[in-house]
Protein backbone atom coordinates (compact mmCIF):
# COMPACT_ATOMS: atom_id res chain seq x y z
CA MET A 1 25.68 -67.37 63.36
CA PRO A 2 23.43 -65.86 65.94
CA ALA A 3 23.08 -62.66 63.93
CA THR A 4 21.40 -64.68 61.08
CA GLU A 5 18.86 -66.37 63.33
CA PRO A 6 16.40 -63.47 63.52
CA HIS A 7 16.38 -63.28 59.70
CA THR A 8 15.91 -67.05 59.43
CA SER A 9 13.13 -66.92 62.00
CA ARG A 10 11.43 -64.13 60.11
CA ARG A 11 11.51 -66.03 56.84
CA SER A 12 10.18 -69.14 58.60
CA ARG A 13 7.34 -67.18 60.19
CA ALA A 14 6.45 -65.54 56.91
CA SER A 15 6.37 -68.88 55.08
CA GLU A 16 4.24 -70.46 57.83
CA LEU A 17 1.84 -67.43 57.85
CA ALA A 18 1.50 -67.65 53.99
CA LEU A 19 0.73 -71.33 54.17
CA VAL A 20 -1.87 -70.93 56.99
CA GLN A 21 -3.45 -67.98 55.30
CA GLY A 22 -3.57 -69.90 51.95
CA MET A 23 -5.31 -72.89 53.53
CA ALA A 24 -7.75 -70.58 55.26
CA ASP A 25 -8.57 -68.79 52.06
CA THR A 26 -9.04 -72.07 50.20
CA LYS A 27 -11.41 -73.42 52.86
CA ALA A 28 -13.36 -70.17 52.97
CA THR A 29 -13.62 -70.10 49.14
CA LEU A 30 -14.89 -73.71 48.96
CA ALA A 31 -17.45 -73.02 51.66
CA GLN A 32 -18.66 -69.94 49.74
CA TRP A 33 -18.93 -71.88 46.52
CA ARG A 34 -20.80 -74.81 48.16
CA ALA A 35 -23.42 -72.30 49.39
CA LYS A 36 -23.95 -70.90 45.85
CA PRO A 37 -22.29 -73.16 43.29
CA TRP A 38 -24.13 -72.32 40.15
CA GLY A 39 -22.88 -68.79 39.79
CA ILE A 40 -19.20 -69.67 39.81
CA LEU A 41 -19.78 -72.84 37.68
CA GLY A 42 -21.67 -70.84 35.19
CA THR A 43 -18.89 -68.28 34.75
CA TRP A 44 -16.26 -70.99 34.54
CA PHE A 45 -18.13 -72.94 31.90
CA SER A 46 -19.00 -69.85 29.90
CA ALA A 47 -15.40 -68.69 29.88
CA SER A 48 -14.08 -72.15 29.05
CA PHE A 49 -16.51 -72.49 26.17
CA LEU A 50 -15.38 -69.13 24.70
CA VAL A 51 -11.76 -70.16 24.96
CA ALA A 52 -12.64 -73.47 23.22
CA VAL A 53 -14.55 -71.72 20.39
CA GLY A 54 -11.55 -69.38 19.99
CA LEU A 55 -9.16 -72.32 19.70
CA LEU A 56 -11.40 -74.02 17.11
CA VAL A 57 -11.43 -70.76 15.06
CA ALA A 58 -7.69 -70.63 15.35
CA VAL A 59 -7.45 -74.24 14.16
CA LYS A 60 -9.58 -73.41 11.14
CA ILE A 61 -7.40 -70.40 10.27
CA VAL A 62 -4.22 -72.52 10.65
CA ALA A 63 -5.72 -75.37 8.56
CA SER A 64 -6.73 -72.94 5.79
CA SER A 65 -3.20 -71.46 5.65
CA GLN A 66 -1.27 -74.72 5.44
CA THR A 67 -0.52 -76.92 2.42
CA ALA A 68 -2.32 -80.31 3.11
CA ASP A 69 -0.53 -83.62 2.89
CA PRO A 70 -3.22 -86.24 2.23
CA GLN A 71 -0.78 -89.09 2.78
CA THR A 72 -0.35 -88.28 6.48
CA GLY A 73 -3.96 -87.36 7.22
CA VAL A 74 -5.11 -90.31 9.43
CA LEU A 75 -7.53 -90.40 12.37
CA PRO A 76 -7.99 -93.69 14.29
CA GLY A 77 -11.25 -95.41 13.56
CA ILE A 78 -11.90 -93.96 10.10
CA LEU A 79 -9.49 -96.02 7.96
CA THR A 80 -8.00 -98.11 10.75
CA PRO A 81 -9.51 -100.17 13.57
CA VAL A 82 -9.53 -98.85 17.18
CA ASP A 83 -9.46 -100.41 20.57
CA ALA A 84 -9.21 -99.55 24.28
CA GLY A 85 -5.52 -98.61 23.81
CA ASP A 86 -6.64 -95.63 21.60
CA VAL A 87 -8.91 -94.41 24.45
CA VAL A 88 -6.02 -94.71 26.91
CA HIS A 89 -3.63 -92.83 24.55
CA THR A 90 -6.23 -90.03 24.06
CA VAL A 91 -6.92 -89.71 27.77
CA VAL A 92 -3.20 -89.57 28.65
CA ARG A 93 -2.58 -86.97 25.96
CA ASN A 94 -5.40 -84.79 27.19
CA LEU A 95 -4.48 -85.31 30.90
CA LEU A 96 -0.98 -83.75 30.10
CA VAL A 97 -2.77 -80.63 28.81
CA LEU A 98 -5.11 -80.56 31.85
CA ALA A 99 -2.17 -80.91 34.13
CA LEU A 100 -0.52 -77.95 32.53
CA HIS A 101 -3.55 -75.83 32.92
CA SER A 102 -4.06 -76.94 36.53
CA LEU A 103 -0.46 -76.14 37.34
CA ALA A 104 -1.03 -72.63 35.85
CA CYS A 105 -3.88 -72.29 38.31
CA VAL A 106 -1.57 -73.32 41.30
CA ALA A 107 1.14 -71.03 40.06
CA GLY A 108 -1.27 -68.13 39.90
CA PHE A 109 -2.34 -68.80 43.53
CA ILE A 110 1.40 -68.89 44.64
CA ALA A 111 2.39 -65.90 42.60
CA GLY A 112 -0.71 -63.72 43.22
CA SER A 113 -1.62 -64.59 46.80
CA THR A 114 1.20 -66.43 48.70
CA MET A 115 4.22 -64.59 47.51
CA PRO A 116 2.85 -61.05 48.05
CA LEU A 117 1.91 -62.07 51.57
CA GLU A 118 5.45 -63.42 52.25
CA ALA A 119 6.89 -60.25 50.72
CA LYS A 120 4.85 -58.11 53.10
CA GLU A 121 5.89 -60.17 56.16
CA ARG A 122 9.62 -60.43 55.23
CA GLY A 123 10.18 -56.79 54.32
CA GLY A 124 13.44 -55.43 53.24
CA ALA A 125 15.38 -56.80 50.30
CA TRP A 126 13.89 -60.37 50.62
CA GLY A 127 10.41 -58.84 50.58
CA ALA A 128 11.15 -56.94 47.43
CA ILE A 129 12.61 -60.02 45.77
CA HIS A 130 9.44 -62.04 46.59
CA ASP A 131 7.24 -59.23 45.31
CA TYR A 132 9.02 -59.00 41.98
CA ALA A 133 9.24 -62.76 41.75
CA GLY A 134 5.47 -63.03 42.14
CA ARG A 135 4.88 -60.48 39.34
CA PHE A 136 7.39 -62.32 37.04
CA ALA A 137 5.66 -65.62 37.84
CA ILE A 138 2.31 -64.29 36.72
CA LEU A 139 3.82 -63.03 33.50
CA PHE A 140 5.58 -66.33 32.95
CA VAL A 141 2.37 -68.27 33.48
CA SER A 142 0.54 -66.07 31.07
CA ALA A 143 3.22 -66.58 28.45
CA ALA A 144 3.28 -70.31 28.96
CA THR A 145 -0.48 -70.57 28.65
CA ALA A 146 -0.54 -68.45 25.45
CA PHE A 147 2.24 -70.62 24.06
CA SER A 148 0.24 -73.80 24.90
CA LEU A 149 -2.83 -72.44 23.12
CA LEU A 150 -0.83 -71.40 20.05
CA THR A 151 0.94 -74.78 19.89
CA GLN A 152 -2.40 -76.63 20.06
CA ALA A 153 -3.84 -74.44 17.32
CA TYR A 154 -0.90 -75.12 15.04
CA VAL A 155 -0.79 -78.88 15.67
CA LEU A 156 -4.58 -79.38 15.40
CA GLY A 157 -4.75 -77.12 12.30
CA GLY A 158 -2.16 -79.24 10.55
CA ILE A 159 -4.06 -82.42 11.41
CA THR A 160 -7.32 -80.98 10.31
CA SER A 161 -5.81 -79.83 6.96
CA ASP A 162 -4.30 -83.25 6.23
CA VAL A 163 -7.34 -85.32 7.23
CA ALA A 164 -9.77 -83.18 5.34
CA ALA A 165 -7.63 -83.51 2.25
CA ARG A 166 -7.38 -87.30 2.54
CA LEU A 167 -11.04 -87.72 3.08
CA ASP A 168 -11.94 -85.09 0.43
CA LEU A 169 -13.96 -83.14 3.01
CA HIS A 170 -14.21 -79.37 3.50
CA GLN A 171 -12.19 -78.40 6.56
CA THR A 172 -15.19 -76.69 8.17
CA THR A 173 -17.29 -79.82 7.61
CA LEU A 174 -14.63 -81.95 9.30
CA LEU A 175 -14.42 -79.64 12.31
CA VAL A 176 -18.24 -79.74 12.65
CA LEU A 177 -18.19 -83.52 12.63
CA LEU A 178 -15.58 -83.43 15.34
CA LEU A 179 -17.61 -81.17 17.62
CA PRO A 180 -19.44 -84.00 19.54
CA HIS A 181 -16.14 -84.81 21.26
CA ALA A 182 -14.23 -81.62 20.70
CA ILE A 183 -16.56 -79.33 22.68
CA PRO A 184 -16.74 -81.36 25.90
CA GLU A 185 -13.04 -82.22 25.63
CA LEU A 186 -11.90 -78.59 25.21
CA VAL A 187 -14.39 -77.12 27.69
CA GLY A 188 -13.11 -79.69 30.30
CA LEU A 189 -9.48 -79.00 29.58
CA PHE A 190 -9.92 -75.26 29.69
CA LEU A 191 -11.88 -75.13 32.96
CA PRO A 192 -8.76 -74.46 35.11
CA LEU A 193 -7.58 -71.90 32.57
CA ALA A 194 -10.96 -70.19 32.76
CA ALA A 195 -10.77 -70.01 36.54
CA TRP A 196 -7.30 -68.53 36.21
CA LEU A 197 -8.42 -65.89 33.68
CA LEU A 198 -11.42 -64.82 35.75
CA ALA A 199 -9.51 -64.68 39.02
CA SER A 200 -6.70 -62.65 37.46
CA ARG A 201 -9.21 -60.10 36.12
CA ARG A 202 -10.84 -59.69 39.45
CA GLY A 203 -7.67 -59.86 41.51
CA GLU A 204 -8.95 -62.88 43.38
CA TRP A 205 -5.74 -64.85 43.35
CA HIS A 206 -6.53 -66.32 46.80
CA THR A 207 -9.36 -68.40 45.23
CA LEU A 208 -7.13 -70.17 42.78
CA LEU A 209 -6.09 -73.17 44.87
CA ALA A 210 -9.71 -74.02 45.53
CA ALA A 211 -10.44 -73.48 41.81
CA THR A 212 -7.71 -75.97 40.92
CA PHE A 213 -9.26 -78.68 42.97
CA VAL A 214 -12.86 -78.10 41.77
CA THR A 215 -12.10 -77.57 38.07
CA THR A 216 -9.81 -80.51 37.83
CA ALA A 217 -12.27 -82.78 39.56
CA ILE A 218 -14.96 -81.67 37.08
CA ALA A 219 -12.72 -81.87 34.03
CA LEU A 220 -11.51 -85.41 34.62
CA PRO A 221 -14.72 -87.27 33.83
CA MET A 222 -15.34 -84.95 30.94
CA VAL A 223 -11.93 -85.75 29.44
CA VAL A 224 -12.55 -89.45 29.74
CA ALA A 225 -16.04 -89.28 28.28
CA ALA A 226 -14.81 -87.12 25.41
CA ALA A 227 -12.03 -89.63 24.73
CA MET A 228 -14.69 -92.47 24.44
CA ILE A 229 -16.67 -90.37 21.92
CA GLU A 230 -13.53 -89.47 19.99
CA VAL A 231 -12.51 -93.00 19.60
CA TYR A 232 -15.81 -94.85 19.19
CA VAL A 233 -18.34 -92.29 17.82
CA SER A 234 -16.69 -89.48 15.90
CA PRO A 235 -14.83 -91.68 13.43
CA GLY A 236 -18.10 -93.38 12.43
CA LEU A 237 -19.73 -90.08 11.83
CA ILE A 238 -16.85 -88.86 9.75
CA ALA A 239 -16.61 -92.07 7.70
CA HIS A 240 -20.35 -92.16 7.04
CA TYR A 241 -20.36 -88.52 5.82
CA ALA A 242 -17.26 -89.15 3.70
CA GLY A 243 -19.01 -92.14 2.07
CA LEU A 244 -16.64 -94.70 3.44
CA ARG A 245 -19.34 -96.71 5.24
């Protein structure tokens, strides 16, 4: 038993050092951003906007390649009444996506910053395991994020195809009418993902925990506002253009 204590102590010290260093990096990053916020916000919003546009293009491609089913193409508020419950449902649905992207940001911080530090401090076999685990975690987060985007493109593409067919609208026209809520919604949802992408390209994994806090705080009101527009404004625009009102 005494022979294992040094190893246990080393692992404990490595974990504590990684935690302390992570908190210090996060505080330093937040202080740096507070001094000059517009630069980092501009890059996040620009990257998030590009991802949102890319997803909308993917939605159009998927919609064009699918056989539409006009009988299932329904959006709340166009042919059916809406209430506050629809807003809640939309917000909850989008919060699940936001949570996934925020967790990807946290996972990037752990895999790219915390685990390499622990690997360096532990050394030996445990250090090598942590090093490889960190690299694998980064690959896993990348794959999970890509899967999320592809899934969203497929689902939204199918809905777009069906609704456009039911309302006798061109798919591009329907997507344009959805932009008033789709753009702020998608930009907000993709802010943590944008921070993850930018940090990974620059090797700034130590900034990702701070980025998680900031991007999620910014995205929350955007998601709620977009849900209100989606439920109470967009259906009226679509119905008016389709000649239903």
